[in-house]
Amino acid sequence: MEEADKVFLEYVVKALVDNPNDIKLDRTVDEMGVLISLTVNPADMGKIIGRMGNTAKAIRTLLRIIGMKNNARVNLKINEPEGGMRPEPKFENAGSSTKTVDQAMEDLKGI
């Protein structure tokens, strides 16, 4: 019989995505607690993560509440799609030479 946390997660995720048939859930239990790995269609990844990760945080919070009710620690891992594109961090003055701490302090004194 499937556990309540997995059934809950499947219900919520299917309601959020456009491709509910592409959802894959893997539930493992060890001494650290329960780990549920979620894989969705790459086109649906943004719907699961949400703005600033708020949707994913909310889902994780609800799973932890379900876990507390069942005396278990539940964690959610959202698998990145293959070939996923994380935005590269943008650094100011990228490509320019690195300044020493002393040079940076001199620049700050001039402000």
PDB file of N, CA and C in Angstrom:
ATOM      1  N   MET A   1       0.840  -1.195   0.000  1.00  0.00           N
ATOM      2  CA  MET A   1       0.000   0.000   0.000  1.00  0.00           C
ATOM      3  C   MET A   1       0.875   1.244   0.000  1.00  0.00           C
ATOM      4  N   GLU A   2       0.541   2.183  -0.842  1.00  0.00           N
ATOM      5  CA  GLU A   2       1.320   3.410  -0.931  1.00  0.00           C
ATOM      6  C   GLU A   2       1.120   4.241   0.335  1.00  0.00           C
ATOM      7  N   GLU A   3       2.141   4.986   0.661  1.00  0.00           N
ATOM      8  CA  GLU A   3       2.093   5.834   1.840  1.00  0.00           C
ATOM      9  C   GLU A   3       1.336   7.128   1.542  1.00  0.00           C
ATOM     10  N   ALA A   4       0.810   7.749   2.568  1.00  0.00           N
ATOM     11  CA  ALA A   4       0.003   8.957   2.422  1.00  0.00           C
ATOM     12  C   ALA A   4       0.794  10.097   1.811  1.00  0.00           C
ATOM     13  N   ASP A   5       2.097  10.216   2.158  1.00  0.00           N
ATOM     14  CA  ASP A   5       2.893  11.323   1.630  1.00  0.00           C
ATOM     15  C   ASP A   5       3.055  11.224   0.115  1.00  0.00           C
ATOM     16  N   LYS A   6       3.269  10.031  -0.392  1.00  0.00           N
ATOM     17  CA  LYS A   6       3.439   9.838  -1.838  1.00  0.00           C
ATOM     18  C   LYS A   6       2.125  10.082  -2.574  1.00  0.00           C
ATOM     19  N   VAL A   7       1.025   9.592  -2.006  1.00  0.00           N
ATOM     20  CA  VAL A   7      -0.291   9.802  -2.616  1.00  0.00           C
ATOM     21  C   VAL A   7      -0.620  11.285  -2.651  1.00  0.00           C
ATOM     22  N   PHE A   8      -0.345  11.992  -1.563  1.00  0.00           N
ATOM     23  CA  PHE A   8      -0.593  13.434  -1.493  1.00  0.00           C
ATOM     24  C   PHE A   8       0.224  14.180  -2.544  1.00  0.00           C
ATOM     25  N   LEU A   9       1.524  13.870  -2.614  1.00  0.00           N
ATOM     26  CA  LEU A   9       2.400  14.559  -3.558  1.00  0.00           C
ATOM     27  C   LEU A   9       1.946  14.317  -4.996  1.00  0.00           C
ATOM     28  N   GLU A  10       1.592  13.101  -5.304  1.00  0.00           N
ATOM     29  CA  GLU A  10       1.133  12.792  -6.658  1.00  0.00           C
ATOM     30  C   GLU A  10      -0.124  13.592  -6.998  1.00  0.00           C
ATOM     31  N   TYR A  11      -1.043  13.688  -6.060  1.00  0.00           N
ATOM     32  CA  TYR A  11      -2.277  14.438  -6.275  1.00  0.00           C
ATOM     33  C   TYR A  11      -1.982  15.922  -6.544  1.00  0.00           C
ATOM     34  N   VAL A  12      -1.122  16.516  -5.723  1.00  0.00           N
ATOM     35  CA  VAL A  12      -0.817  17.944  -5.864  1.00  0.00           C
ATOM     36  C   VAL A  12      -0.079  18.218  -7.172  1.00  0.00           C
ATOM     37  N   VAL A  13       0.923  17.413  -7.464  1.00  0.00           N
ATOM     38  CA  VAL A  13       1.722  17.648  -8.662  1.00  0.00           C
ATOM     39  C   VAL A  13       0.890  17.465  -9.925  1.00  0.00           C
ATOM     40  N   LYS A  14       0.043  16.442  -9.961  1.00  0.00           N
ATOM     41  CA  LYS A  14      -0.803  16.227 -11.138  1.00  0.00           C
ATOM     42  C   LYS A  14      -1.745  17.403 -11.365  1.00  0.00           C
ATOM     43  N   ALA A  15      -2.162  18.053 -10.296  1.00  0.00           N
ATOM     44  CA  ALA A  15      -3.042  19.214 -10.434  1.00  0.00           C
ATOM     45  C   ALA A  15      -2.293  20.436 -10.961  1.00  0.00           C
ATOM     46  N   LEU A  16      -0.977  20.487 -10.776  1.00  0.00           N
ATOM     47  CA  LEU A  16      -0.196  21.652 -11.186  1.00  0.00           C
ATOM     48  C   LEU A  16       0.336  21.586 -12.612  1.00  0.00           C
ATOM     49  N   VAL A  17       0.644  20.402 -13.101  1.00  0.00           N
ATOM     50  CA  VAL A  17       1.368  20.282 -14.363  1.00  0.00           C
ATOM     51  C   VAL A  17       0.443  20.089 -15.565  1.00  0.00           C
ATOM     52  N   ASP A  18       1.002  20.313 -16.754  1.00  0.00           N
ATOM     53  CA  ASP A  18       0.264  20.092 -17.997  1.00  0.00           C
ATOM     54  C   ASP A  18       0.424  18.665 -18.508  1.00  0.00           C
ATOM     55  N   ASN A  19       1.475  17.970 -18.055  1.00  0.00           N
ATOM     56  CA  ASN A  19       1.756  16.608 -18.512  1.00  0.00           C
ATOM     57  C   ASN A  19       1.752  15.649 -17.323  1.00  0.00           C
ATOM     58  N   PRO A  20       0.576  15.345 -16.769  1.00  0.00           N
ATOM     59  CA  PRO A  20       0.536  14.511 -15.560  1.00  0.00           C
ATOM     60  C   PRO A  20       1.014  13.079 -15.782  1.00  0.00           C
ATOM     61  N   ASN A  21       1.010  12.600 -17.019  1.00  0.00           N
ATOM     62  CA  ASN A  21       1.464  11.236 -17.275  1.00  0.00           C
ATOM     63  C   ASN A  21       2.981  11.095 -17.216  1.00  0.00           C
ATOM     64  N   ASP A  22       3.710  12.220 -17.249  1.00  0.00           N
ATOM     65  CA  ASP A  22       5.172  12.193 -17.213  1.00  0.00           C
ATOM     66  C   ASP A  22       5.736  12.245 -15.801  1.00  0.00           C
ATOM     67  N   ILE A  23       4.886  12.263 -14.791  1.00  0.00           N
ATOM     68  CA  ILE A  23       5.342  12.343 -13.400  1.00  0.00           C
ATOM     69  C   ILE A  23       5.901  10.997 -12.959  1.00  0.00           C
ATOM     70  N   LYS A  24       7.072  11.047 -12.324  1.00  0.00           N
ATOM     71  CA  LYS A  24       7.663   9.841 -11.745  1.00  0.00           C
ATOM     72  C   LYS A  24       8.011  10.144 -10.290  1.00  0.00           C
ATOM     73  N   LEU A  25       7.547   9.304  -9.395  1.00  0.00           N
ATOM     74  CA  LEU A  25       7.830   9.447  -7.971  1.00  0.00           C
ATOM     75  C   LEU A  25       8.584   8.214  -7.490  1.00  0.00           C
ATOM     76  N   ASP A  26       9.628   8.457  -6.713  1.00  0.00           N
ATOM     77  CA  ASP A  26      10.389   7.359  -6.136  1.00  0.00           C
ATOM     78  C   ASP A  26      10.502   7.635  -4.642  1.00  0.00           C
ATOM     79  N   ARG A  27      10.011   6.729  -3.831  1.00  0.00           N
ATOM     80  CA  ARG A  27      10.004   6.903  -2.373  1.00  0.00           C
ATOM     81  C   ARG A  27      10.966   5.919  -1.741  1.00  0.00           C
ATOM     82  N   THR A  28      11.927   6.449  -0.980  1.00  0.00           N
ATOM     83  CA  THR A  28      12.873   5.592  -0.267  1.00  0.00           C
ATOM     84  C   THR A  28      12.848   5.948   1.215  1.00  0.00           C
ATOM     85  N   VAL A  29      13.039   4.943   2.043  1.00  0.00           N
ATOM     86  CA  VAL A  29      13.058   5.125   3.489  1.00  0.00           C
ATOM     87  C   VAL A  29      14.402   4.619   4.007  1.00  0.00           C
ATOM     88  N   ASP A  30      15.046   5.426   4.846  1.00  0.00           N
ATOM     89  CA  ASP A  30      16.284   4.999   5.493  1.00  0.00           C
ATOM     90  C   ASP A  30      16.314   5.571   6.905  1.00  0.00           C
ATOM     91  N   GLU A  31      17.478   5.498   7.549  1.00  0.00           N
ATOM     92  CA  GLU A  31      17.562   5.974   8.938  1.00  0.00           C
ATOM     93  C   GLU A  31      17.373   7.486   9.065  1.00  0.00           C
ATOM     94  N   MET A  32      17.548   8.225   7.958  1.00  0.00           N
ATOM     95  CA  MET A  32      17.353   9.673   7.982  1.00  0.00           C
ATOM     96  C   MET A  32      15.891  10.071   7.805  1.00  0.00           C
ATOM     97  N   GLY A  33      15.063   9.165   7.336  1.00  0.00           N
ATOM     98  CA  GLY A  33      13.659   9.464   7.120  1.00  0.00           C
ATOM     99  C   GLY A  33      13.218   9.036   5.737  1.00  0.00           C
ATOM    100  N   VAL A  34      12.248   9.742   5.205  1.00  0.00           N
ATOM    101  CA  VAL A  34      11.671   9.418   3.900  1.00  0.00           C
ATOM    102  C   VAL A  34      12.172  10.431   2.884  1.00  0.00           C
ATOM    103  N   LEU A  35      12.613   9.941   1.742  1.00  0.00           N
ATOM    104  CA  LEU A  35      13.022  10.819   0.646  1.00  0.00           C
ATOM    105  C   LEU A  35      12.154  10.480  -0.556  1.00  0.00           C
ATOM    106  N   ILE A  36      11.448  11.489  -1.049  1.00  0.00           N
ATOM    107  CA  ILE A  36      10.650  11.314  -2.255  1.00  0.00           C
ATOM    108  C   ILE A  36      11.332  12.094  -3.365  1.00  0.00           C
ATOM    109  N   SER A  37      11.699  11.385  -4.427  1.00  0.00           N
ATOM    110  CA  SER A  37      12.305  12.022  -5.601  1.00  0.00           C
ATOM    111  C   SER A  37      11.226  12.220  -6.652  1.00  0.00           C
ATOM    112  N   LEU A  38      11.136  13.438  -7.159  1.00  0.00           N
ATOM    113  CA  LEU A  38      10.112  13.796  -8.132  1.00  0.00           C
ATOM    114  C   LEU A  38      10.767  14.149  -9.457  1.00  0.00           C
ATOM    115  N   THR A  39      10.277  13.539 -10.518  1.00  0.00           N
ATOM    116  CA  THR A  39      10.717  13.875 -11.867  1.00  0.00           C
ATOM    117  C   THR A  39       9.481  14.250 -12.667  1.00  0.00           C
ATOM    118  N   VAL A  40       9.547  15.405 -13.323  1.00  0.00           N
ATOM    119  CA  VAL A  40       8.432  15.866 -14.149  1.00  0.00           C
ATOM    120  C   VAL A  40       8.944  16.199 -15.542  1.00  0.00           C
ATOM    121  N   ASN A  41       8.029  16.409 -16.444  1.00  0.00           N
ATOM    122  CA  ASN A  41       8.366  16.836 -17.792  1.00  0.00           C
ATOM    123  C   ASN A  41       9.125  18.162 -17.702  1.00  0.00           C
ATOM    124  N   PRO A  42      10.199  18.339 -18.480  1.00  0.00           N
ATOM    125  CA  PRO A  42      10.963  19.592 -18.414  1.00  0.00           C
ATOM    126  C   PRO A  42      10.110  20.837 -18.639  1.00  0.00           C
ATOM    127  N   ALA A  43       9.059  20.729 -19.439  1.00  0.00           N
ATOM    128  CA  ALA A  43       8.186  21.882 -19.688  1.00  0.00           C
ATOM    129  C   ALA A  43       7.395  22.273 -18.442  1.00  0.00           C
ATOM    130  N   ASP A  44       7.223  21.345 -17.502  1.00  0.00           N
ATOM    131  CA  ASP A  44       6.447  21.608 -16.290  1.00  0.00           C
ATOM    132  C   ASP A  44       7.311  22.004 -15.092  1.00  0.00           C
ATOM    133  N   MET A  45       8.619  22.021 -15.262  1.00  0.00           N
ATOM    134  CA  MET A  45       9.517  22.280 -14.135  1.00  0.00           C
ATOM    135  C   MET A  45       9.228  23.628 -13.471  1.00  0.00           C
ATOM    136  N   GLY A  46       8.970  24.648 -14.260  1.00  0.00           N
ATOM    137  CA  GLY A  46       8.697  25.972 -13.697  1.00  0.00           C
ATOM    138  C   GLY A  46       7.436  26.004 -12.855  1.00  0.00           C
ATOM    139  N   LYS A  47       6.464  25.191 -13.204  1.00  0.00           N
ATOM    140  CA  LYS A  47       5.214  25.161 -12.441  1.00  0.00           C
ATOM    141  C   LYS A  47       5.424  24.506 -11.079  1.00  0.00           C
ATOM    142  N   ILE A  48       6.335  23.549 -11.012  1.00  0.00           N
ATOM    143  CA  ILE A  48       6.612  22.865  -9.753  1.00  0.00           C
ATOM    144  C   ILE A  48       7.494  23.729  -8.857  1.00  0.00           C
ATOM    145  N   ILE A  49       8.465  24.400  -9.442  1.00  0.00           N
ATOM    146  CA  ILE A  49       9.378  25.247  -8.664  1.00  0.00           C
ATOM    147  C   ILE A  49       8.674  26.528  -8.224  1.00  0.00           C
ATOM    148  N   GLY A  50       7.987  27.192  -9.158  1.00  0.00           N
ATOM    149  CA  GLY A  50       7.290  28.436  -8.841  1.00  0.00           C
ATOM    150  C   GLY A  50       8.236  29.613  -8.785  1.00  0.00           C
ATOM    151  N   ARG A  51       7.682  30.778  -8.630  1.00  0.00           N
ATOM    152  CA  ARG A  51       8.507  31.986  -8.546  1.00  0.00           C
ATOM    153  C   ARG A  51       9.344  31.965  -7.278  1.00  0.00           C
ATOM    154  N   MET A  52      10.622  32.174  -7.463  1.00  0.00           N
ATOM    155  CA  MET A  52      11.578  32.200  -6.345  1.00  0.00           C
ATOM    156  C   MET A  52      11.519  30.906  -5.522  1.00  0.00           C
ATOM    157  N   GLY A  53      11.024  29.834  -6.116  1.00  0.00           N
ATOM    158  CA  GLY A  53      10.956  28.553  -5.420  1.00  0.00           C
ATOM    159  C   GLY A  53       9.825  28.441  -4.420  1.00  0.00           C
ATOM    160  N   ASN A  54       8.885  29.364  -4.465  1.00  0.00           N
ATOM    161  CA  ASN A  54       7.816  29.373  -3.461  1.00  0.00           C
ATOM    162  C   ASN A  54       6.891  28.168  -3.540  1.00  0.00           C
ATOM    163  N   THR A  55       6.584  27.702  -4.741  1.00  0.00           N
ATOM    164  CA  THR A  55       5.703  26.533  -4.864  1.00  0.00           C
ATOM    165  C   THR A  55       6.386  25.297  -4.296  1.00  0.00           C
ATOM    166  N   ALA A  56       7.656  25.114  -4.639  1.00  0.00           N
ATOM    167  CA  ALA A  56       8.403  23.961  -4.119  1.00  0.00           C
ATOM    168  C   ALA A  56       8.511  24.023  -2.597  1.00  0.00           C
ATOM    169  N   LYS A  57       8.744  25.212  -2.060  1.00  0.00           N
ATOM    170  CA  LYS A  57       8.827  25.367  -0.595  1.00  0.00           C
ATOM    171  C   LYS A  57       7.496  25.000   0.063  1.00  0.00           C
ATOM    172  N   ALA A  58       6.400  25.428  -0.544  1.00  0.00           N
ATOM    173  CA  ALA A  58       5.070  25.132   0.017  1.00  0.00           C
ATOM    174  C   ALA A  58       4.795  23.628  -0.012  1.00  0.00           C
ATOM    175  N   ILE A  59       5.149  22.977  -1.118  1.00  0.00           N
ATOM    176  CA  ILE A  59       4.945  21.527  -1.208  1.00  0.00           C
ATOM    177  C   ILE A  59       5.783  20.817  -0.153  1.00  0.00           C
ATOM    178  N   ARG A  60       7.029  21.240   0.014  1.00  0.00           N
ATOM    179  CA  ARG A  60       7.908  20.616   1.016  1.00  0.00           C
ATOM    180  C   ARG A  60       7.355  20.813   2.428  1.00  0.00           C
ATOM    181  N   THR A  61       6.821  21.991   2.694  1.00  0.00           N
ATOM    182  CA  THR A  61       6.248  22.258   4.014  1.00  0.00           C
ATOM    183  C   THR A  61       5.064  21.337   4.286  1.00  0.00           C
ATOM    184  N   LEU A  62       4.187  21.195   3.315  1.00  0.00           N
ATOM    185  CA  LEU A  62       3.023  20.319   3.490  1.00  0.00           C
ATOM    186  C   LEU A  62       3.446  18.862   3.669  1.00  0.00           C
ATOM    187  N   LEU A  63       4.479  18.441   2.927  1.00  0.00           N
ATOM    188  CA  LEU A  63       4.967  17.061   3.092  1.00  0.00           C
ATOM    189  C   LEU A  63       5.542  16.844   4.491  1.00  0.00           C
ATOM    190  N   ARG A  64       6.233  17.841   5.021  1.00  0.00           N
ATOM    191  CA  ARG A  64       6.768  17.711   6.381  1.00  0.00           C
ATOM    192  C   ARG A  64       5.654  17.608   7.406  1.00  0.00           C
ATOM    193  N   ILE A  65       4.564  18.330   7.187  1.00  0.00           N
ATOM    194  CA  ILE A  65       3.422  18.249   8.102  1.00  0.00           C
ATOM    195  C   ILE A  65       2.817  16.850   8.065  1.00  0.00           C
ATOM    196  N   ILE A  66       2.659  16.302   6.870  1.00  0.00           N
ATOM    197  CA  ILE A  66       2.150  14.936   6.745  1.00  0.00           C
ATOM    198  C   ILE A  66       3.101  13.969   7.441  1.00  0.00           C
ATOM    199  N   GLY A  67       4.404  14.200   7.279  1.00  0.00           N
ATOM    200  CA  GLY A  67       5.390  13.348   7.934  1.00  0.00           C
ATOM    201  C   GLY A  67       5.299  13.419   9.444  1.00  0.00           C
ATOM    202  N   MET A  68       5.118  14.623   9.979  1.00  0.00           N
ATOM    203  CA  MET A  68       5.005  14.769  11.437  1.00  0.00           C
ATOM    204  C   MET A  68       3.798  14.006  11.962  1.00  0.00           C
ATOM    205  N   LYS A  69       2.719  14.021  11.201  1.00  0.00           N
ATOM    206  CA  LYS A  69       1.519  13.300  11.610  1.00  0.00           C
ATOM    207  C   LYS A  69       1.789  11.798  11.696  1.00  0.00           C
ATOM    208  N   ASN A  70       2.706  11.311  10.841  1.00  0.00           N
ATOM    209  CA  ASN A  70       3.030   9.889  10.795  1.00  0.00           C
ATOM    210  C   ASN A  70       4.377   9.572  11.453  1.00  0.00           C
ATOM    211  N   ASN A  71       4.882  10.502  12.261  1.00  0.00           N
ATOM    212  CA  ASN A  71       6.152  10.323  12.966  1.00  0.00           C
ATOM    213  C   ASN A  71       7.306   9.970  12.028  1.00  0.00           C
ATOM    214  N   ALA A  72       7.394  10.687  10.925  1.00  0.00           N
ATOM    215  CA  ALA A  72       8.472  10.468   9.962  1.00  0.00           C
ATOM    216  C   ALA A  72       8.952  11.815   9.429  1.00  0.00           C
ATOM    217  N   ARG A  73      10.215  11.869   9.074  1.00  0.00           N
ATOM    218  CA  ARG A  73      10.762  13.068   8.448  1.00  0.00           C
ATOM    219  C   ARG A  73      10.702  12.868   6.943  1.00  0.00           C
ATOM    220  N   VAL A  74       9.984  13.743   6.251  1.00  0.00           N
ATOM    221  CA  VAL A  74       9.792  13.600   4.807  1.00  0.00           C
ATOM    222  C   VAL A  74      10.511  14.739   4.095  1.00  0.00           C
ATOM    223  N   ASN A  75      11.340  14.383   3.122  1.00  0.00           N
ATOM    224  CA  ASN A  75      12.039  15.357   2.295  1.00  0.00           C
ATOM    225  C   ASN A  75      11.687  15.127   0.838  1.00  0.00           C
ATOM    226  N   LEU A  76      11.705  16.212   0.062  1.00  0.00           N
ATOM    227  CA  LEU A  76      11.391  16.148  -1.358  1.00  0.00           C
ATOM    228  C   LEU A  76      12.602  16.584  -2.160  1.00  0.00           C
ATOM    229  N   LYS A  77      12.987  15.751  -3.117  1.00  0.00           N
ATOM    230  CA  LYS A  77      14.046  16.099  -4.056  1.00  0.00           C
ATOM    231  C   LYS A  77      13.403  16.223  -5.424  1.00  0.00           C
ATOM    232  N   ILE A  78      13.583  17.378  -6.058  1.00  0.00           N
ATOM    233  CA  ILE A  78      13.052  17.593  -7.394  1.00  0.00           C
ATOM    234  C   ILE A  78      14.209  17.408  -8.366  1.00  0.00           C
ATOM    235  N   ASN A  79      14.124  16.377  -9.186  1.00  0.00           N
ATOM    236  CA  ASN A  79      15.198  16.066 -10.128  1.00  0.00           C
ATOM    237  C   ASN A  79      15.182  17.040 -11.289  1.00  0.00           C
ATOM    238  N   GLU A  80      16.365  17.551 -11.624  1.00  0.00           N
ATOM    239  CA  GLU A  80      16.482  18.442 -12.774  1.00  0.00           C
ATOM    240  C   GLU A  80      16.396  17.624 -14.046  1.00  0.00           C
ATOM    241  N   PRO A  81      15.767  18.181 -15.080  1.00  0.00           N
ATOM    242  CA  PRO A  81      15.701  17.445 -16.341  1.00  0.00           C
ATOM    243  C   PRO A  81      17.083  17.379 -16.988  1.00  0.00           C
ATOM    244  N   GLU A  82      17.312  16.331 -17.785  1.00  0.00           N
ATOM    245  CA  GLU A  82      18.588  16.227 -18.482  1.00  0.00           C
ATOM    246  C   GLU A  82      18.711  17.380 -19.452  1.00  0.00           C
ATOM    247  N   GLY A  83      19.888  17.980 -19.468  1.00  0.00           N
ATOM    248  CA  GLY A  83      20.106  19.123 -20.343  1.00  0.00           C
ATOM    249  C   GLY A  83      19.439  20.380 -19.830  1.00  0.00           C
ATOM    250  N   GLY A  84      19.038  20.369 -18.553  1.00  0.00           N
ATOM    251  CA  GLY A  84      18.400  21.537 -17.969  1.00  0.00           C
ATOM    252  C   GLY A  84      19.352  22.722 -17.979  1.00  0.00           C
ATOM    253  N   MET A  85      18.782  23.890 -18.098  1.00  0.00           N
ATOM    254  CA  MET A  85      19.624  25.079 -18.179  1.00  0.00           C
ATOM    255  C   MET A  85      19.412  25.938 -16.958  1.00  0.00           C
ATOM    256  N   ARG A  86      20.352  25.881 -16.042  1.00  0.00           N
ATOM    257  CA  ARG A  86      20.338  26.810 -14.927  1.00  0.00           C
ATOM    258  C   ARG A  86      20.977  28.087 -15.402  1.00  0.00           C
ATOM    259  N   PRO A  87      20.436  29.216 -15.021  1.00  0.00           N
ATOM    260  CA  PRO A  87      21.069  30.469 -15.454  1.00  0.00           C
ATOM    261  C   PRO A  87      22.447  30.609 -14.826  1.00  0.00           C
ATOM    262  N   GLU A  88      23.387  31.020 -15.652  1.00  0.00           N
ATOM    263  CA  GLU A  88      24.742  31.248 -15.154  1.00  0.00           C
ATOM    264  C   GLU A  88      24.725  32.483 -14.250  1.00  0.00           C
ATOM    265  N   PRO A  89      25.470  32.459 -13.159  1.00  0.00           N
ATOM    266  CA  PRO A  89      25.509  33.641 -12.304  1.00  0.00           C
ATOM    267  C   PRO A  89      26.148  34.803 -13.052  1.00  0.00           C
ATOM    268  N   LYS A  90      25.552  35.968 -12.897  1.00  0.00           N
ATOM    269  CA  LYS A  90      26.077  37.157 -13.565  1.00  0.00           C
ATOM    270  C   LYS A  90      26.866  37.970 -12.552  1.00  0.00           C
ATOM    271  N   PHE A  91      28.099  38.181 -12.877  1.00  0.00           N
ATOM    272  CA  PHE A  91      28.956  38.955 -11.997  1.00  0.00           C
ATOM    273  C   PHE A  91      29.251  40.289 -12.649  1.00  0.00           C
ATOM    274  N   GLU A  92      29.249  41.330 -11.841  1.00  0.00           N
ATOM    275  CA  GLU A  92      29.596  42.636 -12.337  1.00  0.00           C
ATOM    276  C   GLU A  92      31.058  42.631 -12.743  1.00  0.00           C
ATOM    277  N   ASN A  93      31.375  43.285 -13.842  1.00  0.00           N
ATOM    278  CA  ASN A  93      32.746  43.356 -14.367  1.00  0.00           C
ATOM    279  C   ASN A  93      33.291  41.973 -14.704  1.00  0.00           C
ATOM    280  N   ALA A  94      32.438  41.071 -15.158  1.00  0.00           N
ATOM    281  CA  ALA A  94      32.890  39.721 -15.513  1.00  0.00           C
ATOM    282  C   ALA A  94      33.902  39.822 -16.641  1.00  0.00           C
ATOM    283  N   GLY A  95      34.957  39.085 -16.516  1.00  0.00           N
ATOM    284  CA  GLY A  95      35.988  39.075 -17.540  1.00  0.00           C
ATOM    285  C   GLY A  95      37.103  40.068 -17.273  1.00  0.00           C
ATOM    286  N   SER A  96      36.913  41.008 -16.368  1.00  0.00           N
ATOM    287  CA  SER A  96      37.980  41.958 -16.082  1.00  0.00           C
ATOM    288  C   SER A  96      38.937  41.331 -15.080  1.00  0.00           C
ATOM    289  N   SER A  97      40.098  41.945 -14.954  1.00  0.00           N
ATOM    290  CA  SER A  97      41.098  41.396 -14.044  1.00  0.00           C
ATOM    291  C   SER A  97      40.640  41.551 -12.600  1.00  0.00           C
ATOM    292  N   THR A  98      41.082  40.646 -11.768  1.00  0.00           N
ATOM    293  CA  THR A  98      40.700  40.648 -10.365  1.00  0.00           C
ATOM    294  C   THR A  98      41.549  41.665  -9.615  1.00  0.00           C
ATOM    295  N   LYS A  99      40.905  42.415  -8.724  1.00  0.00           N
ATOM    296  CA  LYS A  99      41.614  43.409  -7.919  1.00  0.00           C
ATOM    297  C   LYS A  99      42.028  42.796  -6.598  1.00  0.00           C
ATOM    298  N   THR A 100      43.088  43.333  -6.056  1.00  0.00           N
ATOM    299  CA  THR A 100      43.490  42.914  -4.723  1.00  0.00           C
ATOM    300  C   THR A 100      42.618  43.644  -3.715  1.00  0.00           C
ATOM    301  N   VAL A 101      42.677  43.211  -2.491  1.00  0.00           N
ATOM    302  CA  VAL A 101      41.907  43.854  -1.432  1.00  0.00           C
ATOM    303  C   VAL A 101      42.347  45.307  -1.268  1.00  0.00           C
ATOM    304  N   ASP A 102      43.640  45.538  -1.347  1.00  0.00           N
ATOM    305  CA  ASP A 102      44.156  46.907  -1.215  1.00  0.00           C
ATOM    306  C   ASP A 102      43.638  47.806  -2.326  1.00  0.00           C
ATOM    307  N   GLN A 103      43.588  47.296  -3.551  1.00  0.00           N
ATOM    308  CA  GLN A 103      43.077  48.101  -4.661  1.00  0.00           C
ATOM    309  C   GLN A 103      41.598  48.410  -4.468  1.00  0.00           C
ATOM    310  N   ALA A 104      40.863  47.442  -4.014  1.00  0.00           N
ATOM    311  CA  ALA A 104      39.431  47.648  -3.780  1.00  0.00           C
ATOM    312  C   ALA A 104      39.214  48.681  -2.681  1.00  0.00           C
ATOM    313  N   MET A 105      40.033  48.642  -1.634  1.00  0.00           N
ATOM    314  CA  MET A 105      39.910  49.626  -0.547  1.00  0.00           C
ATOM    315  C   MET A 105      40.226  51.027  -1.057  1.00  0.00           C
ATOM    316  N   GLU A 106      41.208  51.164  -1.926  1.00  0.00           N
ATOM    317  CA  GLU A 106      41.541  52.471  -2.503  1.00  0.00           C
ATOM    318  C   GLU A 106      40.384  52.987  -3.334  1.00  0.00           C
ATOM    319  N   ASP A 107      39.731  52.097  -4.086  1.00  0.00           N
ATOM    320  CA  ASP A 107      38.574  52.505  -4.878  1.00  0.00           C
ATOM    321  C   ASP A 107      37.452  53.002  -3.991  1.00  0.00           C
ATOM    322  N   LEU A 108      37.248  52.343  -2.839  1.00  0.00           N
ATOM    323  CA  LEU A 108      36.187  52.755  -1.925  1.00  0.00           C
ATOM    324  C   LEU A 108      36.498  54.087  -1.272  1.00  0.00           C
ATOM    325  N   LYS A 109      37.755  54.379  -1.022  1.00  0.00           N
ATOM    326  CA  LYS A 109      38.114  55.671  -0.408  1.00  0.00           C
ATOM    327  C   LYS A 109      37.803  56.822  -1.339  1.00  0.00           C
ATOM    328  N   GLY A 110      37.864  56.581  -2.630  1.00  0.00           N
ATOM    329  CA  GLY A 110      37.610  57.646  -3.604  1.00  0.00           C
ATOM    330  C   GLY A 110      36.141  57.985  -3.756  1.00  0.00           C
ATOM    331  N   ILE A 111      35.267  57.210  -3.152  1.00  0.00           N
ATOM    332  CA  ILE A 111      33.824  57.442  -3.323  1.00  0.00           C
ATOM    333  C   ILE A 111      33.329  58.498  -2.386  1.00  0.00           C
TER     334      ILE A 111
END
